[in-house]
Structure formats: C-alpha cells, structure tokens
Amino acid sequence: MARLLVVDDESSIRLLYSQELAEGGHEVVTAATTAEAVDKIREHEFDLIVLDIKLKNESGLDLLQKVVKERHNLPVVLCTAFSFFKDDFSAWLADGYVVKSSDLTELKEEVKRVLAKRKPGKE
C-alpha cells in the first residue's frame, strides 16, 4: 500500500480520485491548494503525488518545482485537462503525465507504473 497525496482544486475530482485510488489499496490524502499540499508534504511521508497543473490562481508546476527542490525523490504524476503542458519544460520534472478523463484507467496505470519504478527507502 502506498500513501498518495492528491492535489486538485476541484472537490469532486479529489473525492473521485480518493475513492478510486483507495479501491486500489492506497491510502489517499487530499489537498485543495499548493499551501495545503506543502503543509501536508512537510507533516507526512508520501510515496507519490498526483498533481493538477491549474489550481485556481495557483500553478501546480510551481508546486512541482518546490517538491523537486525539497523532496527530489518524491515522485509526482501531473494530471491535467490540458495536453499542451506536456511540452512545458517544467512539466518534464514530473515522473508521469496524464490528461484528465472520466476513465481513470490511465491515471491508475500511471500511478502503478511510477510507484513500481520507485526504489524502496528512496524518500
């Protein structure tokens, strides 16, 4: 079982991802803002972050850069409604990239793939 942090400003997305990822055997914690996410990252250990890029007036890419700087071994999967961010250099810092869909198969597979690559004791 992995401990995941889902960061998304939409409460319905946080709830959906929490339920789906929890059904896959993961413990899921959520955050609605980058500040809330930073607090949770500092307070708890996570195995992976699922991060939306557009968070109301904030950028998930800014949070991604903080995570890479402060917790470089903590993998991040970007999950966004926009495919064009894949070409953004900042997005390349992430371990995975998924375009949001009502079918969560790709997200769950990407989470599984990234977690499998993570070496034990890296974080």
N, C-alpha and C. Protein backbone atom coordinates (compact mmCIF):
# COMPACT_ATOMS: atom_id res chain seq x y z
N MET A 1 0.85 -1.18 0.00
CA MET A 1 0.00 0.00 0.00
C MET A 1 0.89 1.24 0.00
N ALA A 2 0.57 2.14 -0.87
CA ALA A 2 1.31 3.39 -0.95
C ALA A 2 0.45 4.51 -0.37
N ARG A 3 1.14 5.52 0.10
CA ARG A 3 0.45 6.72 0.62
C ARG A 3 0.55 7.80 -0.44
N LEU A 4 -0.61 8.26 -0.92
CA LEU A 4 -0.65 9.21 -2.03
C LEU A 4 -1.24 10.53 -1.57
N LEU A 5 -0.75 11.61 -2.17
CA LEU A 5 -1.33 12.94 -1.96
C LEU A 5 -1.93 13.38 -3.29
N VAL A 6 -3.22 13.66 -3.29
CA VAL A 6 -3.92 14.16 -4.48
C VAL A 6 -4.13 15.66 -4.28
N VAL A 7 -3.60 16.46 -5.21
CA VAL A 7 -3.72 17.91 -5.13
C VAL A 7 -4.55 18.39 -6.32
N ASP A 8 -5.74 18.87 -6.04
CA ASP A 8 -6.64 19.37 -7.08
C ASP A 8 -7.59 20.36 -6.44
N ASP A 9 -7.89 21.45 -7.15
CA ASP A 9 -8.78 22.47 -6.57
C ASP A 9 -10.25 22.09 -6.67
N GLU A 10 -10.58 21.08 -7.44
CA GLU A 10 -11.98 20.66 -7.58
C GLU A 10 -12.29 19.55 -6.57
N SER A 11 -13.25 19.82 -5.69
CA SER A 11 -13.58 18.85 -4.64
C SER A 11 -14.09 17.54 -5.22
N SER A 12 -14.84 17.61 -6.33
CA SER A 12 -15.37 16.38 -6.93
C SER A 12 -14.23 15.50 -7.47
N ILE A 13 -13.20 16.13 -8.02
CA ILE A 13 -12.05 15.38 -8.53
C ILE A 13 -11.29 14.75 -7.36
N ARG A 14 -11.09 15.53 -6.29
CA ARG A 14 -10.39 14.98 -5.11
C ARG A 14 -11.13 13.76 -4.57
N LEU A 15 -12.46 13.87 -4.49
CA LEU A 15 -13.26 12.76 -3.97
C LEU A 15 -13.17 11.55 -4.90
N LEU A 16 -13.34 11.78 -6.20
CA LEU A 16 -13.29 10.68 -7.17
C LEU A 16 -11.93 9.98 -7.15
N TYR A 17 -10.86 10.75 -7.21
CA TYR A 17 -9.52 10.15 -7.22
C TYR A 17 -9.25 9.42 -5.90
N SER A 18 -9.69 10.01 -4.80
CA SER A 18 -9.50 9.36 -3.50
C SER A 18 -10.17 8.00 -3.46
N GLN A 19 -11.42 7.96 -3.91
CA GLN A 19 -12.16 6.70 -3.87
C GLN A 19 -11.53 5.66 -4.81
N GLU A 20 -11.20 6.09 -6.02
CA GLU A 20 -10.65 5.14 -7.00
C GLU A 20 -9.28 4.62 -6.58
N LEU A 21 -8.42 5.51 -6.11
CA LEU A 21 -7.08 5.09 -5.71
C LEU A 21 -7.11 4.29 -4.41
N ALA A 22 -8.05 4.62 -3.52
CA ALA A 22 -8.20 3.84 -2.29
C ALA A 22 -8.69 2.43 -2.60
N GLU A 23 -9.56 2.30 -3.60
CA GLU A 23 -10.01 0.97 -4.01
C GLU A 23 -8.85 0.13 -4.53
N GLY A 24 -7.82 0.80 -5.02
CA GLY A 24 -6.62 0.10 -5.48
C GLY A 24 -5.67 -0.24 -4.35
N GLY A 25 -6.09 0.04 -3.12
CA GLY A 25 -5.29 -0.33 -1.96
C GLY A 25 -4.40 0.76 -1.42
N HIS A 26 -4.55 1.97 -1.90
CA HIS A 26 -3.69 3.06 -1.45
C HIS A 26 -4.37 3.88 -0.36
N GLU A 27 -3.55 4.46 0.50
CA GLU A 27 -4.04 5.45 1.45
C GLU A 27 -3.93 6.80 0.74
N VAL A 28 -5.02 7.54 0.72
CA VAL A 28 -5.05 8.79 -0.05
C VAL A 28 -5.38 9.97 0.86
N VAL A 29 -4.55 10.99 0.75
CA VAL A 29 -4.75 12.26 1.44
C VAL A 29 -4.94 13.30 0.33
N THR A 30 -5.76 14.31 0.58
CA THR A 30 -6.01 15.31 -0.46
C THR A 30 -5.66 16.71 0.03
N ALA A 31 -5.42 17.57 -0.97
CA ALA A 31 -5.18 18.99 -0.70
C ALA A 31 -5.81 19.79 -1.84
N ALA A 32 -6.38 20.95 -1.50
CA ALA A 32 -7.05 21.79 -2.50
C ALA A 32 -6.17 22.91 -3.02
N THR A 33 -5.13 23.25 -2.28
CA THR A 33 -4.25 24.36 -2.67
C THR A 33 -2.78 23.93 -2.55
N THR A 34 -1.91 24.74 -3.14
CA THR A 34 -0.49 24.42 -3.02
C THR A 34 -0.01 24.60 -1.58
N ALA A 35 -0.53 25.60 -0.87
CA ALA A 35 -0.14 25.81 0.53
C ALA A 35 -0.54 24.61 1.39
N GLU A 36 -1.75 24.13 1.18
CA GLU A 36 -2.22 22.95 1.93
C GLU A 36 -1.35 21.74 1.58
N ALA A 37 -1.01 21.61 0.31
CA ALA A 37 -0.17 20.49 -0.11
C ALA A 37 1.22 20.57 0.54
N VAL A 38 1.80 21.75 0.54
CA VAL A 38 3.13 21.92 1.15
C VAL A 38 3.09 21.55 2.63
N ASP A 39 2.06 22.01 3.33
CA ASP A 39 1.92 21.65 4.75
C ASP A 39 1.85 20.14 4.93
N LYS A 40 1.05 19.49 4.11
CA LYS A 40 0.89 18.03 4.25
C LYS A 40 2.16 17.29 3.88
N ILE A 41 2.88 17.79 2.88
CA ILE A 41 4.14 17.16 2.49
C ILE A 41 5.17 17.29 3.62
N ARG A 42 5.16 18.42 4.31
CA ARG A 42 6.10 18.62 5.42
C ARG A 42 5.72 17.81 6.66
N GLU A 43 4.41 17.55 6.83
CA GLU A 43 3.93 16.85 8.02
C GLU A 43 3.94 15.33 7.88
N HIS A 44 3.82 14.84 6.64
CA HIS A 44 3.64 13.40 6.42
C HIS A 44 4.57 12.90 5.33
N GLU A 45 4.79 11.62 5.33
CA GLU A 45 5.55 10.98 4.26
C GLU A 45 4.57 10.48 3.20
N PHE A 46 4.90 10.73 1.95
CA PHE A 46 4.09 10.23 0.84
C PHE A 46 4.98 9.44 -0.11
N ASP A 47 4.34 8.53 -0.82
CA ASP A 47 5.04 7.73 -1.82
C ASP A 47 4.90 8.34 -3.21
N LEU A 48 3.88 9.18 -3.39
CA LEU A 48 3.63 9.77 -4.71
C LEU A 48 2.61 10.90 -4.57
N ILE A 49 2.74 11.89 -5.45
CA ILE A 49 1.77 12.98 -5.51
C ILE A 49 1.10 12.96 -6.87
N VAL A 50 -0.22 13.06 -6.87
CA VAL A 50 -0.99 13.28 -8.10
C VAL A 50 -1.37 14.75 -8.07
N LEU A 51 -0.87 15.50 -9.05
CA LEU A 51 -0.94 16.96 -9.00
C LEU A 51 -1.60 17.55 -10.24
N ASP A 52 -2.63 18.35 -10.01
CA ASP A 52 -3.25 19.11 -11.10
C ASP A 52 -2.36 20.31 -11.41
N ILE A 53 -2.31 20.72 -12.66
CA ILE A 53 -1.46 21.86 -13.03
C ILE A 53 -2.16 23.18 -12.78
N LYS A 54 -3.44 23.27 -13.12
CA LYS A 54 -4.17 24.53 -12.93
C LYS A 54 -4.99 24.44 -11.65
N LEU A 55 -4.58 25.21 -10.66
CA LEU A 55 -5.23 25.22 -9.35
C LEU A 55 -5.74 26.63 -9.08
N LYS A 56 -6.93 26.94 -9.57
CA LYS A 56 -7.49 28.30 -9.46
C LYS A 56 -6.44 29.33 -9.82
N ASN A 57 -5.95 30.11 -8.87
CA ASN A 57 -4.96 31.15 -9.16
C ASN A 57 -3.52 30.68 -8.95
N GLU A 58 -3.35 29.39 -8.74
CA GLU A 58 -2.02 28.86 -8.48
C GLU A 58 -1.61 27.92 -9.61
N SER A 59 -0.32 27.64 -9.65
CA SER A 59 0.19 26.72 -10.65
C SER A 59 0.73 25.46 -9.98
N GLY A 60 0.26 24.34 -10.44
CA GLY A 60 0.80 23.08 -9.95
C GLY A 60 2.25 22.91 -10.36
N LEU A 61 2.64 23.56 -11.46
CA LEU A 61 4.04 23.47 -11.90
C LEU A 61 4.97 24.16 -10.90
N ASP A 62 4.49 25.23 -10.25
CA ASP A 62 5.29 25.87 -9.19
C ASP A 62 5.46 24.90 -8.02
N LEU A 63 4.38 24.22 -7.66
CA LEU A 63 4.48 23.23 -6.57
C LEU A 63 5.41 22.09 -6.98
N LEU A 64 5.33 21.67 -8.23
CA LEU A 64 6.22 20.61 -8.72
C LEU A 64 7.68 21.01 -8.52
N GLN A 65 8.02 22.26 -8.86
CA GLN A 65 9.40 22.72 -8.69
C GLN A 65 9.82 22.71 -7.23
N LYS A 66 8.90 23.09 -6.33
CA LYS A 66 9.21 23.05 -4.89
C LYS A 66 9.47 21.62 -4.44
N VAL A 67 8.63 20.71 -4.89
CA VAL A 67 8.78 19.30 -4.50
C VAL A 67 10.11 18.77 -5.00
N VAL A 68 10.44 19.06 -6.24
CA VAL A 68 11.70 18.58 -6.81
C VAL A 68 12.88 19.14 -6.03
N LYS A 69 12.78 20.41 -5.62
CA LYS A 69 13.86 21.06 -4.88
C LYS A 69 14.00 20.52 -3.46
N GLU A 70 12.86 20.35 -2.77
CA GLU A 70 12.90 19.97 -1.36
C GLU A 70 12.80 18.46 -1.12
N ARG A 71 12.12 17.75 -1.99
CA ARG A 71 11.91 16.30 -1.82
C ARG A 71 12.12 15.62 -3.16
N HIS A 72 13.32 15.72 -3.67
CA HIS A 72 13.58 15.29 -5.04
C HIS A 72 13.29 13.82 -5.32
N ASN A 73 13.17 13.00 -4.30
CA ASN A 73 12.87 11.59 -4.52
C ASN A 73 11.38 11.28 -4.45
N LEU A 74 10.57 12.29 -4.21
CA LEU A 74 9.12 12.09 -4.12
C LEU A 74 8.53 12.21 -5.53
N PRO A 75 8.06 11.11 -6.10
CA PRO A 75 7.54 11.16 -7.47
C PRO A 75 6.23 11.92 -7.58
N VAL A 76 6.07 12.59 -8.73
CA VAL A 76 4.87 13.37 -9.00
C VAL A 76 4.30 12.96 -10.35
N VAL A 77 3.00 12.70 -10.37
CA VAL A 77 2.27 12.47 -11.61
C VAL A 77 1.39 13.67 -11.84
N LEU A 78 1.62 14.38 -12.94
CA LEU A 78 0.77 15.51 -13.29
C LEU A 78 -0.50 14.98 -13.92
N CYS A 79 -1.62 15.53 -13.51
CA CYS A 79 -2.92 15.13 -14.04
C CYS A 79 -3.68 16.40 -14.36
N THR A 80 -3.84 16.66 -15.65
CA THR A 80 -4.41 17.94 -16.07
C THR A 80 -5.38 17.75 -17.23
N ALA A 81 -6.22 18.73 -17.42
CA ALA A 81 -7.15 18.69 -18.54
C ALA A 81 -6.48 19.15 -19.83
N PHE A 82 -5.25 19.61 -19.74
CA PHE A 82 -4.57 20.22 -20.89
C PHE A 82 -3.37 19.37 -21.32
N SER A 83 -3.39 18.93 -22.56
CA SER A 83 -2.27 18.11 -23.05
C SER A 83 -1.06 18.97 -23.42
N PHE A 84 -1.27 20.27 -23.69
CA PHE A 84 -0.15 21.08 -24.17
C PHE A 84 0.91 21.35 -23.11
N PHE A 85 0.59 21.13 -21.84
CA PHE A 85 1.61 21.32 -20.80
C PHE A 85 2.71 20.27 -20.89
N LYS A 86 2.45 19.21 -21.65
CA LYS A 86 3.47 18.17 -21.81
C LYS A 86 4.74 18.75 -22.43
N ASP A 87 4.59 19.83 -23.20
CA ASP A 87 5.73 20.46 -23.85
C ASP A 87 6.40 21.52 -22.99
N ASP A 88 5.84 21.81 -21.83
CA ASP A 88 6.43 22.79 -20.91
C ASP A 88 7.62 22.14 -20.20
N PHE A 89 8.75 22.83 -20.24
CA PHE A 89 9.95 22.28 -19.61
C PHE A 89 9.74 21.93 -18.14
N SER A 90 8.95 22.74 -17.43
CA SER A 90 8.69 22.46 -16.02
C SER A 90 7.98 21.13 -15.83
N ALA A 91 7.10 20.80 -16.75
CA ALA A 91 6.35 19.54 -16.65
C ALA A 91 7.26 18.33 -16.78
N TRP A 92 8.40 18.53 -17.42
CA TRP A 92 9.33 17.41 -17.62
C TRP A 92 9.95 16.96 -16.31
N LEU A 93 9.82 17.78 -15.26
CA LEU A 93 10.34 17.39 -13.95
C LEU A 93 9.50 16.28 -13.31
N ALA A 94 8.27 16.14 -13.78
CA ALA A 94 7.36 15.14 -13.21
C ALA A 94 7.75 13.74 -13.67
N ASP A 95 7.32 12.77 -12.92
CA ASP A 95 7.59 11.37 -13.25
C ASP A 95 6.53 10.78 -14.17
N GLY A 96 5.39 11.46 -14.26
CA GLY A 96 4.33 10.98 -15.12
C GLY A 96 3.41 12.12 -15.51
N TYR A 97 2.66 11.91 -16.59
CA TYR A 97 1.76 12.95 -17.10
C TYR A 97 0.52 12.26 -17.65
N VAL A 98 -0.64 12.70 -17.16
CA VAL A 98 -1.90 12.10 -17.59
C VAL A 98 -2.87 13.22 -17.90
N VAL A 99 -3.58 13.10 -19.02
CA VAL A 99 -4.64 14.05 -19.34
C VAL A 99 -5.92 13.53 -18.67
N LYS A 100 -6.59 14.43 -17.95
CA LYS A 100 -7.79 14.04 -17.21
C LYS A 100 -8.83 13.43 -18.14
N SER A 101 -9.49 12.43 -17.62
CA SER A 101 -10.54 11.74 -18.36
C SER A 101 -11.54 11.17 -17.37
N SER A 102 -12.75 10.92 -17.85
CA SER A 102 -13.73 10.27 -16.98
C SER A 102 -13.35 8.81 -16.72
N ASP A 103 -12.54 8.26 -17.60
CA ASP A 103 -12.00 6.91 -17.43
C ASP A 103 -10.65 7.04 -16.71
N LEU A 104 -10.59 6.55 -15.49
CA LEU A 104 -9.39 6.73 -14.68
C LEU A 104 -8.35 5.63 -14.88
N THR A 105 -8.55 4.80 -15.88
CA THR A 105 -7.62 3.69 -16.12
C THR A 105 -6.20 4.20 -16.35
N GLU A 106 -6.04 5.22 -17.17
CA GLU A 106 -4.70 5.73 -17.47
C GLU A 106 -4.04 6.30 -16.21
N LEU A 107 -4.80 7.03 -15.40
CA LEU A 107 -4.25 7.58 -14.16
C LEU A 107 -3.80 6.46 -13.24
N LYS A 108 -4.65 5.46 -13.05
CA LYS A 108 -4.30 4.36 -12.14
C LYS A 108 -3.09 3.59 -12.66
N GLU A 109 -3.01 3.40 -13.97
CA GLU A 109 -1.86 2.70 -14.55
C GLU A 109 -0.58 3.53 -14.40
N GLU A 110 -0.69 4.84 -14.56
CA GLU A 110 0.49 5.71 -14.41
C GLU A 110 0.97 5.71 -12.96
N VAL A 111 0.04 5.77 -12.03
CA VAL A 111 0.40 5.70 -10.61
C VAL A 111 1.11 4.38 -10.33
N LYS A 112 0.56 3.31 -10.84
CA LYS A 112 1.17 1.98 -10.64
C LYS A 112 2.57 1.93 -11.25
N ARG A 113 2.71 2.48 -12.47
CA ARG A 113 4.00 2.45 -13.16
C ARG A 113 5.06 3.24 -12.39
N VAL A 114 4.68 4.43 -11.94
CA VAL A 114 5.64 5.29 -11.23
C VAL A 114 6.01 4.68 -9.88
N LEU A 115 5.03 4.14 -9.18
CA LEU A 115 5.33 3.51 -7.89
C LEU A 115 6.25 2.30 -8.06
N ALA A 116 6.07 1.56 -9.13
CA ALA A 116 6.91 0.38 -9.38
C ALA A 116 8.36 0.77 -9.64
N LYS A 117 8.56 1.96 -10.23
CA LYS A 117 9.92 2.44 -10.50
C LYS A 117 10.62 2.95 -9.26
N ARG A 118 9.81 3.30 -8.26
CA ARG A 118 10.38 3.90 -7.04
C ARG A 118 11.12 2.83 -6.25
N LYS A 119 12.33 3.15 -5.90
CA LYS A 119 13.13 2.20 -5.14
C LYS A 119 12.78 2.30 -3.67
N PRO A 120 12.75 1.16 -2.97
CA PRO A 120 12.44 1.20 -1.54
C PRO A 120 13.45 2.06 -0.79
N GLY A 121 12.93 2.83 0.15
CA GLY A 121 13.79 3.63 1.01
C GLY A 121 14.32 4.89 0.36
N LYS A 122 13.78 5.27 -0.83
CA LYS A 122 14.26 6.47 -1.51
C LYS A 122 13.85 7.75 -0.80
N GLU A 123 12.76 7.77 -0.12
CA GLU A 123 12.27 9.01 0.47
C GLU A 123 12.48 9.03 1.95
